[in-house]
Amino acid sequence: MSNLSACVTEVMEKAAANLKSVNRVNEFAEVFFSLEVMVQVIKNVMSEEESVSVYNAPVLLTFLTNVPFTLPEAEDTKQEFTELIRLFVQSATHKLNVRAMNHPKIGLGRTKIIEILRFVIKEDILGAKQIVADSADFFPILLSLLREYPLANLLHNEVVKVIELALADP
């Protein structure tokens, strides 16, 4: 969480130093909901460090579903974000490759990662459906989750929704 905390602190300091007008709240929102912060939040969930990635997944889901974020029109920025989404799908898929023996409960962080995948696929953000279709590990790992955890688990509903969305026609 330190990377995210450092980024948020830096953005807040930058915003506080530059806010001079009466319209401070809007200026702060523009800085705080910037590409820089969004990229940092995504990278935190993709982190190799288990506690950083899994515990920051709810932050990313909140960001994606509640923050008024729009991607700039620049083609190079879109390509960078498309690559970031590709890396996120790959990283998230590997974080979901767990065994019930090692993780008896799937946990909130991994459930949020599944919800993020569902949101990204549902909204087809930058061609996410195609990115998922191109991933060799996505479906086998999600199917192994269905086998590993009991049917009554909330996880089943979320995983089934993700699979249905990924397989649906565009």
Protein backbone atom coordinates (compact mmCIF):
# COMPACT_ATOMS: atom_id res chain seq x y z
CA MET A 1 0.00 0.00 0.00
CA SER A 2 3.00 2.28 0.35
CA ASN A 3 3.19 3.00 -3.39
CA LEU A 4 -0.43 4.09 -3.47
CA SER A 5 -0.08 6.11 -0.27
CA ALA A 6 3.02 7.86 -1.59
CA CYS A 7 1.30 8.68 -4.88
CA VAL A 8 -1.82 10.02 -3.18
CA THR A 9 0.28 12.11 -0.77
CA GLU A 10 2.33 13.52 -3.64
CA VAL A 11 -0.80 14.41 -5.61
CA MET A 12 -2.38 16.03 -2.55
CA GLU A 13 0.74 18.11 -1.86
CA LYS A 14 0.93 19.15 -5.52
CA ALA A 15 -2.72 20.12 -5.51
CA ALA A 16 -2.51 22.00 -2.22
CA ALA A 17 0.49 24.00 -3.44
CA ASN A 18 -1.22 24.98 -6.68
CA LEU A 19 -4.77 25.64 -5.52
CA LYS A 20 -5.18 29.38 -5.46
CA SER A 21 -8.66 30.06 -6.79
CA VAL A 22 -12.09 29.91 -5.23
CA ASN A 23 -12.85 26.75 -7.21
CA ARG A 24 -10.42 24.61 -5.20
CA VAL A 25 -12.55 21.49 -4.94
CA ASN A 26 -12.84 21.14 -8.72
CA GLU A 27 -9.13 21.80 -9.19
CA PHE A 28 -8.28 19.19 -6.55
CA ALA A 29 -10.61 16.66 -8.19
CA GLU A 30 -8.89 17.18 -11.56
CA VAL A 31 -5.49 16.49 -10.01
CA PHE A 32 -6.59 13.62 -7.75
CA PHE A 33 -8.53 11.79 -10.46
CA SER A 34 -5.70 12.09 -12.93
CA LEU A 35 -4.10 9.45 -15.14
CA GLU A 36 -1.11 9.35 -12.80
CA VAL A 37 -3.21 8.24 -9.84
CA MET A 38 -5.25 5.77 -11.91
CA VAL A 39 -2.10 4.14 -13.27
CA GLN A 40 -0.66 3.89 -9.74
CA VAL A 41 -3.84 2.26 -8.42
CA ILE A 42 -3.82 -0.30 -11.26
CA LYS A 43 -0.12 -1.06 -10.72
CA ASN A 44 -0.74 -1.60 -7.00
CA VAL A 45 -3.24 -4.34 -7.78
CA MET A 46 -0.75 -5.88 -10.24
CA SER A 47 2.05 -5.80 -7.65
CA GLU A 48 3.98 -9.01 -7.02
CA GLU A 49 3.65 -8.41 -3.28
CA GLU A 50 0.52 -10.29 -2.21
CA SER A 51 -0.61 -7.92 0.55
CA VAL A 52 -0.22 -4.84 -1.65
CA SER A 53 -2.11 -6.23 -4.62
CA VAL A 54 -4.98 -8.06 -2.98
CA TYR A 55 -5.71 -5.40 -0.36
CA ASN A 56 -5.69 -2.59 -2.94
CA ALA A 57 -8.19 -4.34 -5.22
CA PRO A 58 -11.20 -2.75 -3.44
CA VAL A 59 -9.58 0.68 -3.98
CA LEU A 60 -9.28 0.01 -7.71
CA LEU A 61 -12.87 -1.24 -7.96
CA THR A 62 -14.09 1.92 -6.21
CA PHE A 63 -11.97 4.04 -8.54
CA LEU A 64 -13.31 2.31 -11.66
CA THR A 65 -16.97 2.41 -10.67
CA ASN A 66 -17.23 5.78 -8.88
CA VAL A 67 -14.58 8.18 -10.13
CA PRO A 68 -15.45 10.43 -13.08
CA PHE A 69 -12.49 9.24 -15.12
CA THR A 70 -12.17 9.71 -18.86
CA LEU A 71 -9.25 8.68 -20.98
CA PRO A 72 -7.65 11.41 -23.09
CA GLU A 73 -8.10 11.18 -26.86
CA ALA A 74 -4.34 10.85 -27.55
CA GLU A 75 -3.66 7.58 -29.39
CA ASP A 76 -0.41 6.87 -27.52
CA THR A 77 -2.22 7.20 -24.16
CA LYS A 78 -4.89 4.75 -25.33
CA GLN A 79 -2.20 2.28 -26.41
CA GLU A 80 -0.46 2.59 -23.04
CA PHE A 81 -3.73 1.92 -21.22
CA THR A 82 -4.57 -0.99 -23.51
CA GLU A 83 -1.21 -2.54 -22.61
CA LEU A 84 -1.86 -1.79 -18.93
CA ILE A 85 -5.24 -3.57 -19.17
CA ARG A 86 -3.57 -6.53 -20.90
CA LEU A 87 -1.02 -6.73 -18.06
CA PHE A 88 -3.77 -6.32 -15.48
CA VAL A 89 -5.83 -9.19 -16.92
CA GLN A 90 -2.72 -11.39 -16.94
CA SER A 91 -1.70 -10.41 -13.40
CA ALA A 92 -5.23 -10.70 -12.00
CA THR A 93 -5.67 -14.12 -13.57
CA HIS A 94 -2.49 -15.38 -11.90
CA LYS A 95 -3.55 -13.94 -8.52
CA LEU A 96 -6.76 -15.96 -8.84
CA ASN A 97 -4.79 -19.17 -9.40
CA VAL A 98 -5.14 -20.34 -5.79
CA ARG A 99 -5.97 -23.64 -4.15
CA ALA A 100 -8.58 -24.09 -1.43
CA MET A 101 -6.01 -26.06 0.57
CA ASN A 102 -3.76 -22.96 0.84
CA HIS A 103 -6.57 -20.37 0.91
CA PRO A 104 -9.68 -21.93 2.52
CA LYS A 105 -11.58 -18.69 1.90
CA ILE A 106 -11.08 -16.76 -1.31
CA GLY A 107 -11.12 -13.46 0.58
CA LEU A 108 -12.39 -9.96 -0.16
CA GLY A 109 -9.36 -8.88 -2.19
CA ARG A 110 -9.60 -11.72 -4.69
CA THR A 111 -13.38 -11.33 -4.87
CA LYS A 112 -12.83 -7.67 -5.74
CA ILE A 113 -10.29 -8.66 -8.41
CA ILE A 114 -13.01 -10.86 -9.95
CA GLU A 115 -15.47 -7.94 -9.76
CA ILE A 116 -12.91 -5.67 -11.45
CA LEU A 117 -12.47 -8.20 -14.25
CA ARG A 118 -16.24 -8.38 -14.63
CA PHE A 119 -16.51 -4.57 -14.81
CA VAL A 120 -13.66 -4.22 -17.31
CA ILE A 121 -15.11 -6.96 -19.53
CA LYS A 122 -18.70 -5.71 -19.23
CA GLU A 123 -17.72 -2.17 -20.20
CA ASP A 124 -15.32 -3.59 -22.81
CA ILE A 125 -12.79 -0.97 -21.78
CA LEU A 126 -10.27 -0.58 -24.61
CA GLY A 127 -11.19 -3.94 -26.09
CA ALA A 128 -10.98 -5.93 -22.85
CA LYS A 129 -13.11 -8.76 -24.26
CA GLN A 130 -10.55 -9.37 -26.98
CA ILE A 131 -7.71 -9.13 -24.45
CA VAL A 132 -9.41 -11.82 -22.36
CA ALA A 133 -10.04 -13.95 -25.45
CA ASP A 134 -6.33 -13.76 -26.32
CA SER A 135 -5.26 -14.81 -22.80
CA ALA A 136 -4.27 -18.47 -22.60
CA ASP A 137 -4.69 -18.71 -18.81
CA PHE A 138 -7.91 -16.79 -18.18
CA PHE A 139 -10.57 -19.49 -18.67
CA PRO A 140 -8.59 -22.46 -17.26
CA ILE A 141 -7.83 -20.57 -14.04
CA LEU A 142 -11.41 -19.37 -13.57
CA LEU A 143 -12.69 -22.90 -14.18
CA SER A 144 -10.22 -24.25 -11.61
CA LEU A 145 -11.62 -21.73 -9.09
CA LEU A 146 -15.09 -23.16 -9.68
CA ARG A 147 -13.76 -26.66 -8.98
CA GLU A 148 -11.72 -25.64 -5.92
CA TYR A 149 -14.38 -23.77 -3.95
CA PRO A 150 -17.85 -24.92 -2.84
CA LEU A 151 -20.89 -24.08 -4.94
CA ALA A 152 -22.56 -22.02 -2.20
CA ASN A 153 -19.63 -19.62 -2.18
CA LEU A 154 -20.26 -16.06 -3.45
CA LEU A 155 -17.22 -16.60 -5.62
CA HIS A 156 -19.14 -19.00 -7.88
CA ASN A 157 -21.70 -16.37 -8.83
CA GLU A 158 -19.00 -13.81 -9.60
CA VAL A 159 -16.85 -16.21 -11.62
CA VAL A 160 -19.85 -17.46 -13.61
CA LYS A 161 -20.81 -13.84 -14.41
CA VAL A 162 -17.27 -13.10 -15.60
CA ILE A 163 -17.20 -16.21 -17.80
CA GLU A 164 -20.64 -15.41 -19.26
CA LEU A 165 -19.57 -11.84 -20.07
CA ALA A 166 -16.30 -12.96 -21.59
CA LEU A 167 -18.05 -15.51 -23.80
CA ALA A 168 -20.95 -13.23 -24.82
CA ASP A 169 -21.03 -11.81 -28.32
CA PRO A 170 -19.91 -8.18 -28.53
